[in-house]
Amino acid sequence: MEKATEQNMHILREELGTVKIADDVVAMIAGLAASDVKGVAAMAGNIGNELKSRMGVKNLARGVRVEVIGKRVKAELALIVEYGYNIPAISQRVQEKVKSTVENMTGLEVSDVDIRIAGVCMQKEK
């Protein structure tokens, strides 16, 4: 495995060996959890992600940045919300959903889930 990839992994020690979780996997989990909240139209990405998605390349970690330090995770998510939904309520539900999903799936502790509302969608995206 490449050195750069090794630096972006969290290592869990187990009795039978080592389990490594890449930061990208944690970001993917957070993005999927956030997308599952009613009122979230889509995850917002940068221009590179937008171009990739238009060419058919799906990035499940789009709009998500995570930092894993030890066994603690800090996540930043950029969301596009549906028009008519209460933004503070959606943000709180996303924070709770991301925290519980990441902690349940990885065993890591989520210390921060920062939300940035990048836009409002006038009609639901599919």
Protein backbone atom coordinates (compact mmCIF):
# COMPACT_ATOMS: atom_id res chain seq x y z
CA MET A 1 0.00 0.00 0.00
CA GLU A 2 1.20 3.53 -0.76
CA LYS A 3 2.58 5.74 1.98
CA ALA A 4 0.09 8.57 1.26
CA THR A 5 -2.79 6.15 1.67
CA GLU A 6 -1.39 4.86 4.96
CA GLN A 7 -1.33 8.40 6.39
CA ASN A 8 -5.07 8.83 5.79
CA MET A 9 -6.17 5.74 7.67
CA HIS A 10 -7.32 5.10 11.19
CA ILE A 11 -5.99 1.86 12.64
CA LEU A 12 -8.05 -0.25 15.01
CA ARG A 13 -6.18 -2.96 16.86
CA GLU A 14 -8.00 -6.28 17.09
CA GLU A 15 -7.09 -9.62 18.60
CA LEU A 16 -6.70 -11.34 15.22
CA GLY A 17 -5.05 -8.50 13.32
CA THR A 18 -5.37 -4.86 12.36
CA VAL A 19 -8.40 -3.11 10.90
CA LYS A 20 -7.72 0.08 8.94
CA ILE A 21 -10.43 2.59 8.05
CA ALA A 22 -9.56 5.19 5.42
CA ASP A 23 -10.61 8.80 5.99
CA ASP A 24 -12.46 8.62 2.66
CA VAL A 25 -14.61 5.80 4.05
CA VAL A 26 -15.52 7.88 7.10
CA ALA A 27 -16.40 10.77 4.75
CA MET A 28 -18.54 8.46 2.61
CA ILE A 29 -20.44 7.23 5.68
CA ALA A 30 -21.05 10.82 6.81
CA GLY A 31 -22.24 11.88 3.36
CA LEU A 32 -24.65 8.98 3.03
CA ALA A 33 -26.05 9.60 6.51
CA ALA A 34 -26.60 13.30 5.76
CA SER A 35 -28.26 12.54 2.41
CA ASP A 36 -30.72 10.31 4.23
CA VAL A 37 -32.20 13.22 6.23
CA LYS A 38 -35.51 14.56 4.91
CA GLY A 39 -35.06 18.10 3.61
CA VAL A 40 -31.51 17.57 2.35
CA ALA A 41 -31.69 17.88 -1.45
CA ALA A 42 -28.03 17.07 -2.13
CA MET A 43 -24.50 17.37 -0.91
CA ALA A 44 -22.65 20.40 -2.30
CA GLY A 45 -19.30 19.79 -3.90
CA ASN A 46 -16.55 21.87 -5.39
CA ILE A 47 -16.22 22.45 -9.14
CA GLY A 48 -14.04 19.34 -9.58
CA ASN A 49 -16.68 17.15 -7.96
CA GLU A 50 -19.41 18.76 -10.07
CA LEU A 51 -17.52 18.02 -13.29
CA LYS A 52 -16.90 14.42 -12.25
CA SER A 53 -20.58 13.86 -11.39
CA ARG A 54 -21.66 15.23 -14.78
CA MET A 55 -19.31 12.76 -16.46
CA GLY A 56 -20.94 9.88 -14.57
CA VAL A 57 -18.36 9.47 -11.81
CA LYS A 58 -20.14 9.25 -8.44
CA ASN A 59 -18.32 10.56 -5.40
CA LEU A 60 -20.12 9.50 -2.24
CA ALA A 61 -17.94 11.78 -0.11
CA ARG A 62 -18.89 14.89 -2.14
CA GLY A 63 -19.35 17.92 0.10
CA VAL A 64 -17.79 16.19 3.10
CA ARG A 65 -14.43 16.77 4.73
CA VAL A 66 -13.32 14.71 7.71
CA GLU A 67 -10.33 14.89 9.98
CA VAL A 68 -9.51 11.84 12.07
CA ILE A 69 -7.15 12.47 14.97
CA GLY A 70 -6.58 9.44 17.14
CA LYS A 71 -10.05 8.03 17.68
CA ARG A 72 -11.86 11.37 17.26
CA VAL A 73 -13.55 12.60 14.09
CA LYS A 74 -14.30 16.16 13.05
CA ALA A 75 -16.62 16.41 10.05
CA GLU A 76 -17.58 19.35 7.86
CA LEU A 77 -20.53 18.95 5.48
CA ALA A 78 -21.80 21.30 2.76
CA LEU A 79 -25.51 20.82 2.09
CA ILE A 80 -28.10 21.95 -0.38
CA VAL A 81 -31.48 21.97 1.35
CA GLU A 82 -34.96 21.76 -0.14
CA TYR A 83 -37.01 24.93 -0.19
CA GLY A 84 -39.59 25.19 2.59
CA TYR A 85 -37.70 23.23 5.25
CA ASN A 86 -36.44 24.74 8.50
CA ILE A 87 -32.66 25.06 8.08
CA PRO A 88 -31.71 24.93 11.80
CA ALA A 89 -33.90 21.83 12.31
CA ILE A 90 -32.42 20.06 9.25
CA SER A 91 -28.90 20.96 10.39
CA GLN A 92 -29.53 19.50 13.85
CA ARG A 93 -30.97 16.28 12.38
CA VAL A 94 -27.98 15.95 10.04
CA GLN A 95 -25.56 16.47 12.92
CA GLU A 96 -27.29 13.81 15.03
CA LYS A 97 -27.58 11.33 12.13
CA VAL A 98 -23.94 11.75 11.04
CA LYS A 99 -22.66 11.43 14.62
CA SER A 100 -24.65 8.27 15.40
CA THR A 101 -23.99 6.60 12.03
CA VAL A 102 -20.23 7.23 12.00
CA GLU A 103 -19.87 6.15 15.64
CA ASN A 104 -21.94 2.97 15.13
CA MET A 105 -20.18 1.92 11.93
CA THR A 106 -16.57 2.76 12.83
CA GLY A 107 -16.30 2.79 16.62
CA LEU A 108 -14.73 6.26 16.41
CA GLU A 109 -15.93 9.19 18.53
CA VAL A 110 -17.40 12.12 16.56
CA SER A 111 -16.53 15.36 18.34
CA ASP A 112 -17.76 17.92 15.77
CA VAL A 113 -20.18 17.95 12.86
CA ASP A 114 -20.07 21.39 11.24
CA ILE A 115 -22.75 22.20 8.66
CA ARG A 116 -22.51 24.75 5.87
CA ILE A 117 -25.66 25.47 3.87
CA ALA A 118 -24.39 25.96 0.32
CA GLY A 119 -27.73 26.46 -1.37
CA VAL A 120 -31.47 25.97 -1.51
CA CYS A 121 -33.05 23.72 -4.12
CA MET A 122 -36.39 24.89 -5.48
CA GLN A 123 -37.33 21.39 -6.65
CA LYS A 124 -36.23 18.02 -5.36
CA GLU A 125 -33.13 16.54 -7.08
CA LYS A 126 -33.13 12.88 -8.03
